[in-house]
PDB file of all heavy atoms in Angstrom:
ATOM      1  N   ILE A   1      12.157   2.553   0.629  1.00  0.00           N
ATOM      2  CA  ILE A   1      10.635   2.416   1.016  1.00  0.00           C
ATOM      3  C   ILE A   1      10.548   2.121   2.468  1.00  0.00           C
ATOM      4  O   ILE A   1      11.205   1.315   2.941  1.00  0.00           O
ATOM      5  CB  ILE A   1       9.968   1.455   0.098  1.00  0.00           C
ATOM      6  CG1 ILE A   1       8.487   1.547   0.241  1.00  0.00           C
ATOM      7  CG2 ILE A   1      10.466  -0.031   0.402  1.00  0.00           C
ATOM      8  CD1 ILE A   1       7.627   0.684  -0.757  1.00  0.00           C
ATOM      9  N   PHE A   2       9.594   2.740   3.049  1.00  0.00           N
ATOM     10  CA  PHE A   2       9.334   2.521   4.549  1.00  0.00           C
ATOM     11  C   PHE A   2       7.851   2.822   4.830  1.00  0.00           C
ATOM     12  O   PHE A   2       7.304   3.661   4.056  1.00  0.00           O
ATOM     13  CB  PHE A   2      10.361   3.185   5.533  1.00  0.00           C
ATOM     14  CG  PHE A   2      10.431   4.693   5.239  1.00  0.00           C
ATOM     15  CD1 PHE A   2       9.791   5.567   6.182  1.00  0.00           C
ATOM     16  CD2 PHE A   2      11.237   5.351   4.246  1.00  0.00           C
ATOM     17  CE1 PHE A   2       9.819   6.943   6.093  1.00  0.00           C
ATOM     18  CE2 PHE A   2      11.208   6.635   4.084  1.00  0.00           C
ATOM     19  CZ  PHE A   2      10.521   7.470   5.015  1.00  0.00           C
ATOM     20  N   ARG A   3       7.446   2.375   6.028  1.00  0.00           N
ATOM     21  CA  ARG A   3       6.093   2.644   6.398  1.00  0.00           C
ATOM     22  C   ARG A   3       5.968   3.305   7.738  1.00  0.00           C
ATOM     23  O   ARG A   3       6.925   3.205   8.630  1.00  0.00           O
ATOM     24  CB  ARG A   3       5.315   1.280   6.543  1.00  0.00           C
ATOM     25  CG  ARG A   3       4.937   0.673   5.170  1.00  0.00           C
ATOM     26  CD  ARG A   3       4.513  -0.722   5.306  1.00  0.00           C
ATOM     27  NE  ARG A   3       3.067  -0.858   5.502  1.00  0.00           N
ATOM     28  CZ  ARG A   3       2.298  -1.892   5.104  1.00  0.00           C
ATOM     29  NH1 ARG A   3       2.845  -2.911   4.606  1.00  0.00           N
ATOM     30  NH2 ARG A   3       0.973  -1.872   5.388  1.00  0.00           N
ATOM     31  N   SER A   4       4.850   3.894   8.001  1.00  0.00           N
ATOM     32  CA  SER A   4       4.773   4.559   9.297  1.00  0.00           C
ATOM     33  C   SER A   4       4.428   3.550  10.304  1.00  0.00           C
ATOM     34  O   SER A   4       4.159   2.384   9.981  1.00  0.00           O
ATOM     35  CB  SER A   4       3.361   5.463   9.200  1.00  0.00           C
ATOM     36  OG  SER A   4       2.340   4.737   8.972  1.00  0.00           O
ATOM     37  N   SER A   5       4.569   3.905  11.570  1.00  0.00           N
ATOM     38  CA  SER A   5       4.372   2.999  12.718  1.00  0.00           C
ATOM     39  C   SER A   5       2.932   2.367  12.661  1.00  0.00           C
ATOM     40  O   SER A   5       2.699   1.249  13.135  1.00  0.00           O
ATOM     41  CB  SER A   5       4.665   3.545  14.066  1.00  0.00           C
ATOM     42  OG  SER A   5       3.962   4.679  14.241  1.00  0.00           O
ATOM     43  N   ALA A   6       1.922   3.192  12.178  1.00  0.00           N
ATOM     44  CA  ALA A   6       0.613   2.776  12.138  1.00  0.00           C
ATOM     45  C   ALA A   6       0.454   1.920  10.891  1.00  0.00           C
ATOM     46  O   ALA A   6      -0.716   1.316  10.787  1.00  0.00           O
ATOM     47  CB  ALA A   6      -0.334   3.938  12.082  1.00  0.00           C
ATOM     48  N   LYS A   7       1.402   1.662  10.048  1.00  0.00           N
ATOM     49  CA  LYS A   7       1.390   0.786   8.891  1.00  0.00           C
ATOM     50  C   LYS A   7       0.414   1.238   7.807  1.00  0.00           C
ATOM     51  O   LYS A   7       0.373   0.557   6.804  1.00  0.00           O
ATOM     52  CB  LYS A   7       0.991  -0.610   9.283  1.00  0.00           C
ATOM     53  CG  LYS A   7       1.866  -1.126  10.424  1.00  0.00           C
ATOM     54  CD  LYS A   7       3.299  -1.343  10.052  1.00  0.00           C
ATOM     55  CE  LYS A   7       4.141  -1.980  11.076  1.00  0.00           C
ATOM     56  NZ  LYS A   7       5.567  -2.075  10.823  1.00  0.00           N
ATOM     57  N   ASN A   8      -0.297   2.419   7.979  1.00  0.00           N
ATOM     58  CA  ASN A   8      -1.259   2.896   6.877  1.00  0.00           C
ATOM     59  C   ASN A   8      -0.627   3.855   5.958  1.00  0.00           C
ATOM     60  O   ASN A   8      -1.428   4.312   5.065  1.00  0.00           O
ATOM     61  CB  ASN A   8      -2.527   3.322   7.560  1.00  0.00           C
ATOM     62  CG  ASN A   8      -2.309   4.528   8.307  1.00  0.00           C
ATOM     63  OD1 ASN A   8      -1.118   4.912   8.790  1.00  0.00           O
ATOM     64  ND2 ASN A   8      -3.334   5.390   8.654  1.00  0.00           N
ATOM     65  N   THR A   9       0.567   4.228   6.146  1.00  0.00           N
ATOM     66  CA  THR A   9       1.288   5.184   5.192  1.00  0.00           C
ATOM     67  C   THR A   9       2.546   4.644   4.761  1.00  0.00           C
ATOM     68  O   THR A   9       3.312   4.157   5.469  1.00  0.00           O
ATOM     69  CB  THR A   9       1.469   6.535   5.898  1.00  0.00           C
ATOM     70  OG1 THR A   9       0.303   7.110   6.503  1.00  0.00           O
ATOM     71  CG2 THR A   9       2.099   7.592   4.973  1.00  0.00           C
ATOM     72  N   VAL A  10       2.726   4.688   3.411  1.00  0.00           N
ATOM     73  CA  VAL A  10       4.057   4.216   2.823  1.00  0.00           C
ATOM     74  C   VAL A  10       4.742   5.480   2.222  1.00  0.00           C
ATOM     75  O   VAL A  10       4.036   6.321   1.654  1.00  0.00           O
ATOM     76  CB  VAL A  10       3.760   3.166   1.809  1.00  0.00           C
ATOM     77  CG1 VAL A  10       2.997   3.683   0.644  1.00  0.00           C
ATOM     78  CG2 VAL A  10       5.077   2.475   1.371  1.00  0.00           C
ATOM     79  N   TYR A  11       6.072   5.435   2.372  1.00  0.00           N
ATOM     80  CA  TYR A  11       6.861   6.502   1.824  1.00  0.00           C
ATOM     81  C   TYR A  11       7.901   5.939   0.912  1.00  0.00           C
ATOM     82  O   TYR A  11       8.386   4.835   0.969  1.00  0.00           O
ATOM     83  CB  TYR A  11       7.624   7.198   2.989  1.00  0.00           C
ATOM     84  CG  TYR A  11       6.772   7.790   4.051  1.00  0.00           C
ATOM     85  CD1 TYR A  11       6.427   6.987   5.151  1.00  0.00           C
ATOM     86  CD2 TYR A  11       6.285   9.079   3.946  1.00  0.00           C
ATOM     87  CE1 TYR A  11       5.617   7.587   6.189  1.00  0.00           C
ATOM     88  CE2 TYR A  11       5.537   9.578   4.949  1.00  0.00           C
ATOM     89  CZ  TYR A  11       5.237   8.843   6.065  1.00  0.00           C
ATOM     90  OH  TYR A  11       4.305   9.322   7.063  1.00  0.00           O
ATOM     91  N   LEU A  12       8.290   6.704  -0.132  1.00  0.00           N
ATOM     92  CA  LEU A  12       9.307   6.396  -0.956  1.00  0.00           C
ATOM     93  C   LEU A  12      10.293   7.556  -1.089  1.00  0.00           C
ATOM     94  O   LEU A  12       9.960   8.633  -1.582  1.00  0.00           O
ATOM     95  CB  LEU A  12       8.920   6.131  -2.373  1.00  0.00           C
ATOM     96  CG  LEU A  12       9.837   5.561  -3.414  1.00  0.00           C
ATOM     97  CD1 LEU A  12      10.374   4.287  -3.041  1.00  0.00           C
ATOM     98  CD2 LEU A  12       9.276   5.620  -4.754  1.00  0.00           C
ATOM     99  N   GLN A  13      11.365   7.327  -0.470  1.00  0.00           N
ATOM    100  CA  GLN A  13      12.546   8.352  -0.514  1.00  0.00           C
ATOM    101  C   GLN A  13      13.354   8.041  -1.773  1.00  0.00           C
ATOM    102  O   GLN A  13      13.980   7.031  -1.851  1.00  0.00           O
ATOM    103  CB  GLN A  13      13.355   8.277   0.805  1.00  0.00           C
ATOM    104  CG  GLN A  13      14.483   9.185   0.793  1.00  0.00           C
ATOM    105  CD  GLN A  13      14.099  10.735   0.845  1.00  0.00           C
ATOM    106  OE1 GLN A  13      13.120  11.034   1.571  1.00  0.00           O
ATOM    107  NE2 GLN A  13      14.873  11.525   0.084  1.00  0.00           N
ATOM    108  N   MET A  14      13.364   8.964  -2.613  1.00  0.00           N
ATOM    109  CA  MET A  14      14.143   8.940  -3.854  1.00  0.00           C
ATOM    110  C   MET A  14      15.328   9.825  -3.866  1.00  0.00           C
ATOM    111  O   MET A  14      15.119  11.050  -3.778  1.00  0.00           O
ATOM    112  CB  MET A  14      13.188   9.188  -5.063  1.00  0.00           C
ATOM    113  CG  MET A  14      12.004   8.270  -5.046  1.00  0.00           C
ATOM    114  SD  MET A  14      10.859   8.637  -6.496  1.00  0.00           S
ATOM    115  CE  MET A  14      10.337  10.332  -6.241  1.00  0.00           C
ATOM    116  N   ASN A  15      16.486   9.219  -3.893  1.00  0.00           N
ATOM    117  CA  ASN A  15      17.747  10.054  -3.970  1.00  0.00           C
ATOM    118  C   ASN A  15      18.435   9.820  -5.330  1.00  0.00           C
ATOM    119  O   ASN A  15      18.235   8.831  -6.059  1.00  0.00           O
ATOM    120  CB  ASN A  15      18.649   9.698  -2.923  1.00  0.00           C
ATOM    121  CG  ASN A  15      18.018   9.904  -1.525  1.00  0.00           C
ATOM    122  OD1 ASN A  15      17.305  10.900  -1.279  1.00  0.00           O
ATOM    123  ND2 ASN A  15      18.239   8.943  -0.599  1.00  0.00           N
ATOM    124  N   SER A  16      19.389  10.725  -5.664  1.00  0.00           N
ATOM    125  CA  SER A  16      20.197  10.624  -6.908  1.00  0.00           C
ATOM    126  C   SER A  16      19.344  10.460  -8.087  1.00  0.00           C
ATOM    127  O   SER A  16      19.521   9.514  -8.863  1.00  0.00           O
ATOM    128  CB  SER A  16      21.302   9.527  -6.743  1.00  0.00           C
ATOM    129  OG  SER A  16      22.033   9.649  -5.621  1.00  0.00           O
ATOM    130  N   LEU A  17      18.309  11.162  -8.197  1.00  0.00           N
ATOM    131  CA  LEU A  17      17.367  10.969  -9.370  1.00  0.00           C
ATOM    132  C   LEU A  17      18.003  11.309 -10.604  1.00  0.00           C
ATOM    133  O   LEU A  17      18.819  12.206 -10.709  1.00  0.00           O
ATOM    134  CB  LEU A  17      16.137  11.846  -9.110  1.00  0.00           C
ATOM    135  CG  LEU A  17      15.096  11.471  -7.935  1.00  0.00           C
ATOM    136  CD1 LEU A  17      14.282  12.515  -7.484  1.00  0.00           C
ATOM    137  CD2 LEU A  17      14.314  10.178  -8.525  1.00  0.00           C
ATOM    138  N   ASN A  18      17.500  10.576 -11.691  1.00  0.00           N
ATOM    139  CA  ASN A  18      18.039  10.906 -12.955  1.00  0.00           C
ATOM    140  C   ASN A  18      16.799  10.864 -13.917  1.00  0.00           C
ATOM    141  O   ASN A  18      15.746  10.508 -13.497  1.00  0.00           O
ATOM    142  CB  ASN A  18      19.052   9.772 -13.471  1.00  0.00           C
ATOM    143  CG  ASN A  18      18.509   8.386 -13.387  1.00  0.00           C
ATOM    144  OD1 ASN A  18      17.470   8.170 -14.070  1.00  0.00           O
ATOM    145  ND2 ASN A  18      19.075   7.492 -12.550  1.00  0.00           N
ATOM    146  N   PRO A  19      17.072  11.442 -15.170  1.00  0.00           N
ATOM    147  CA  PRO A  19      16.007  11.590 -16.140  1.00  0.00           C
ATOM    148  C   PRO A  19      15.156  10.414 -16.417  1.00  0.00           C
ATOM    149  O   PRO A  19      14.040  10.413 -16.668  1.00  0.00           O
ATOM    150  CB  PRO A  19      16.578  12.207 -17.270  1.00  0.00           C
ATOM    151  CG  PRO A  19      17.753  12.972 -16.780  1.00  0.00           C
ATOM    152  CD  PRO A  19      18.231  12.175 -15.680  1.00  0.00           C
ATOM    153  N   GLU A  20      15.874   9.241 -16.179  1.00  0.00           N
ATOM    154  CA  GLU A  20      15.172   7.947 -16.550  1.00  0.00           C
ATOM    155  C   GLU A  20      14.107   7.656 -15.367  1.00  0.00           C
ATOM    156  O   GLU A  20      13.261   6.702 -15.670  1.00  0.00           O
ATOM    157  CB  GLU A  20      16.170   6.718 -16.585  1.00  0.00           C
ATOM    158  CG  GLU A  20      17.010   6.810 -17.893  1.00  0.00           C
ATOM    159  CD  GLU A  20      18.094   7.984 -17.868  1.00  0.00           C
ATOM    160  OE1 GLU A  20      18.584   8.251 -16.865  1.00  0.00           O
ATOM    161  OE2 GLU A  20      18.206   8.538 -19.025  1.00  0.00           O
ATOM    162  N   ASP A  21      14.187   8.287 -14.257  1.00  0.00           N
ATOM    163  CA  ASP A  21      13.146   8.080 -13.235  1.00  0.00           C
ATOM    164  C   ASP A  21      11.889   8.934 -13.448  1.00  0.00           C
ATOM    165  O   ASP A  21      10.910   8.764 -12.738  1.00  0.00           O
ATOM    166  CB  ASP A  21      13.784   8.529 -11.899  1.00  0.00           C
ATOM    167  CG  ASP A  21      14.905   7.685 -11.503  1.00  0.00           C
ATOM    168  OD1 ASP A  21      14.805   6.402 -11.545  1.00  0.00           O
ATOM    169  OD2 ASP A  21      16.011   8.247 -11.030  1.00  0.00           O
ATOM    170  N   THR A  22      11.906   9.728 -14.509  1.00  0.00           N
ATOM    171  CA  THR A  22      10.662  10.509 -14.812  1.00  0.00           C
ATOM    172  C   THR A  22       9.529   9.477 -15.175  1.00  0.00           C
ATOM    173  O   THR A  22       9.593   8.656 -16.059  1.00  0.00           O
ATOM    174  CB  THR A  22      10.912  11.428 -16.033  1.00  0.00           C
ATOM    175  OG1 THR A  22      11.939  12.294 -15.632  1.00  0.00           O
ATOM    176  CG2 THR A  22       9.658  12.063 -16.437  1.00  0.00           C
ATOM    177  N   ALA A  23       8.403   9.728 -14.438  1.00  0.00           N
ATOM    178  CA  ALA A  23       7.215   8.777 -14.657  1.00  0.00           C
ATOM    179  C   ALA A  23       6.152   9.349 -13.826  1.00  0.00           C
ATOM    180  O   ALA A  23       6.313  10.124 -12.932  1.00  0.00           O
ATOM    181  CB  ALA A  23       7.541   7.321 -14.377  1.00  0.00           C
ATOM    182  N   VAL A  24       4.885   8.668 -13.960  1.00  0.00           N
ATOM    183  CA  VAL A  24       3.855   8.823 -12.997  1.00  0.00           C
ATOM    184  C   VAL A  24       4.060   7.744 -12.075  1.00  0.00           C
ATOM    185  O   VAL A  24       4.131   6.529 -12.374  1.00  0.00           O
ATOM    186  CB  VAL A  24       2.495   8.833 -13.661  1.00  0.00           C
ATOM    187  CG1 VAL A  24       1.451   8.864 -12.534  1.00  0.00           C
ATOM    188  CG2 VAL A  24       2.253   9.929 -14.732  1.00  0.00           C
ATOM    189  N   TYR A  25       4.081   8.091 -10.696  1.00  0.00           N
ATOM    190  CA  TYR A  25       4.208   7.083  -9.707  1.00  0.00           C
ATOM    191  C   TYR A  25       2.944   6.785  -9.049  1.00  0.00           C
ATOM    192  O   TYR A  25       2.133   7.718  -8.750  1.00  0.00           O
ATOM    193  CB  TYR A  25       5.312   7.562  -8.633  1.00  0.00           C
ATOM    194  CG  TYR A  25       6.612   7.560  -9.235  1.00  0.00           C
ATOM    195  CD1 TYR A  25       7.040   8.278 -10.231  1.00  0.00           C
ATOM    196  CD2 TYR A  25       7.555   6.526  -8.614  1.00  0.00           C
ATOM    197  CE1 TYR A  25       8.420   8.251 -10.640  1.00  0.00           C
ATOM    198  CE2 TYR A  25       8.963   6.551  -9.050  1.00  0.00           C
ATOM    199  CZ  TYR A  25       9.338   7.292 -10.067  1.00  0.00           C
ATOM    200  OH  TYR A  25      10.637   7.261 -10.655  1.00  0.00           O
ATOM    201  N   TYR A  26       2.587   5.402  -8.918  1.00  0.00           N
ATOM    202  CA  TYR A  26       1.391   5.059  -8.368  1.00  0.00           C
ATOM    203  C   TYR A  26       1.554   4.241  -7.074  1.00  0.00           C
ATOM    204  O   TYR A  26       2.437   3.394  -7.044  1.00  0.00           O
ATOM    205  CB  TYR A  26       0.637   4.118  -9.345  1.00  0.00           C
ATOM    206  CG  TYR A  26       0.192   4.799 -10.643  1.00  0.00           C
ATOM    207  CD1 TYR A  26       1.025   4.816 -11.761  1.00  0.00           C
ATOM    208  CD2 TYR A  26      -1.046   5.437 -10.689  1.00  0.00           C
ATOM    209  CE1 TYR A  26       0.548   5.476 -12.865  1.00  0.00           C
ATOM    210  CE2 TYR A  26      -1.508   6.083 -11.807  1.00  0.00           C
ATOM    211  CZ  TYR A  26      -0.620   6.064 -12.953  1.00  0.00           C
ATOM    212  OH  TYR A  26      -1.008   6.715 -14.153  1.00  0.00           O
ATOM    213  N   CYS A  27       0.738   4.529  -6.097  1.00  0.00           N
ATOM    214  CA  CYS A  27       0.808   3.865  -4.821  1.00  0.00           C
ATOM    215  C   CYS A  27      -0.095   2.615  -4.943  1.00  0.00           C
ATOM    216  O   CYS A  27      -1.142   2.688  -5.569  1.00  0.00           O
ATOM    217  CB  CYS A  27       0.339   4.708  -3.701  1.00  0.00           C
ATOM    218  SG  CYS A  27       0.171   3.863  -2.070  1.00  0.00           S
ATOM    219  N   ASN A  28       0.308   1.446  -4.488  1.00  0.00           N
ATOM    220  CA  ASN A  28      -0.536   0.256  -4.463  1.00  0.00           C
ATOM    221  C   ASN A  28      -0.585  -0.335  -3.112  1.00  0.00           C
ATOM    222  O   ASN A  28       0.359  -0.257  -2.321  1.00  0.00           O
ATOM    223  CB  ASN A  28       0.100  -0.760  -5.374  1.00  0.00           C
ATOM    224  CG  ASN A  28      -0.472  -2.168  -5.372  1.00  0.00           C
ATOM    225  OD1 ASN A  28      -0.052  -2.951  -4.596  1.00  0.00           O
ATOM    226  ND2 ASN A  28      -1.429  -2.308  -6.167  1.00  0.00           N
ATOM    227  N   ALA A  29      -1.857  -0.772  -2.750  1.00  0.00           N
ATOM    228  CA  ALA A  29      -2.064  -1.437  -1.481  1.00  0.00           C
ATOM    229  C   ALA A  29      -2.734  -2.773  -1.724  1.00  0.00           C
ATOM    230  O   ALA A  29      -3.694  -2.870  -2.519  1.00  0.00           O
ATOM    231  CB  ALA A  29      -2.842  -0.533  -0.622  1.00  0.00           C
ATOM    232  N   ARG A  30      -2.266  -3.817  -1.089  1.00  0.00           N
ATOM    233  CA  ARG A  30      -2.786  -5.178  -1.302  1.00  0.00           C
ATOM    234  C   ARG A  30      -3.502  -5.544   0.132  1.00  0.00           C
ATOM    235  O   ARG A  30      -2.970  -5.491   1.125  1.00  0.00           O
ATOM    236  CB  ARG A  30      -1.677  -6.069  -1.546  1.00  0.00           C
ATOM    237  CG  ARG A  30      -2.163  -7.507  -1.763  1.00  0.00           C
ATOM    238  CD  ARG A  30      -1.119  -8.346  -2.621  1.00  0.00           C
ATOM    239  NE  ARG A  30      -0.945  -7.765  -3.925  1.00  0.00           N
ATOM    240  CZ  ARG A  30       0.018  -8.092  -4.672  1.00  0.00           C
ATOM    241  NH1 ARG A  30       0.855  -9.130  -4.405  1.00  0.00           N
ATOM    242  NH2 ARG A  30       0.069  -7.544  -5.944  1.00  0.00           N
ATOM    243  N   LEU A  31      -4.847  -5.891  -0.134  1.00  0.00           N
ATOM    244  CA  LEU A  31      -5.623  -6.255   0.915  1.00  0.00           C
ATOM    245  C   LEU A  31      -6.359  -7.593   0.694  1.00  0.00           C
ATOM    246  O   LEU A  31      -6.274  -8.024  -0.596  1.00  0.00           O
ATOM    247  CB  LEU A  31      -6.684  -5.194   1.263  1.00  0.00           C
ATOM    248  CG  LEU A  31      -6.308  -3.883   1.799  1.00  0.00           C
ATOM    249  CD1 LEU A  31      -5.945  -2.930   0.676  1.00  0.00           C
ATOM    250  CD2 LEU A  31      -7.330  -3.240   2.662  1.00  0.00           C
ATOM    251  N   SER A  32      -6.980  -8.242   1.564  1.00  0.00           N
ATOM    252  CA  SER A  32      -7.763  -9.459   1.273  1.00  0.00           C
ATOM    253  C   SER A  32      -8.808  -9.178   0.244  1.00  0.00           C
ATOM    254  O   SER A  32      -9.296 -10.043  -0.468  1.00  0.00           O
ATOM    255  CB  SER A  32      -8.260 -10.093   2.538  1.00  0.00           C
ATOM    256  OG  SER A  32      -9.232  -9.082   3.128  1.00  0.00           O
ATOM    257  N   LEU A  33      -9.283  -7.863   0.207  1.00  0.00           N
ATOM    258  CA  LEU A  33     -10.373  -7.466  -0.880  1.00  0.00           C
ATOM    259  C   LEU A  33      -9.929  -7.405  -2.103  1.00  0.00           C
ATOM    260  O   LEU A  33     -10.661  -7.342  -3.109  1.00  0.00           O
ATOM    261  CB  LEU A  33     -10.951  -6.134  -0.348  1.00  0.00           C
ATOM    262  CG  LEU A  33     -11.600  -6.063   1.028  1.00  0.00           C
ATOM    263  CD1 LEU A  33     -11.979  -4.679   1.423  1.00  0.00           C
ATOM    264  CD2 LEU A  33     -12.815  -7.070   1.176  1.00  0.00           C
TER     265      LEU A  33
END
């Protein structure tokens, strides 16, 4: 997992995937709100 220099984009590089990784993936952001 890593973020852009502007900190507003997050990436998830997934390697060596296997069938157990099958799912719906959700992005989450935590703010004061």
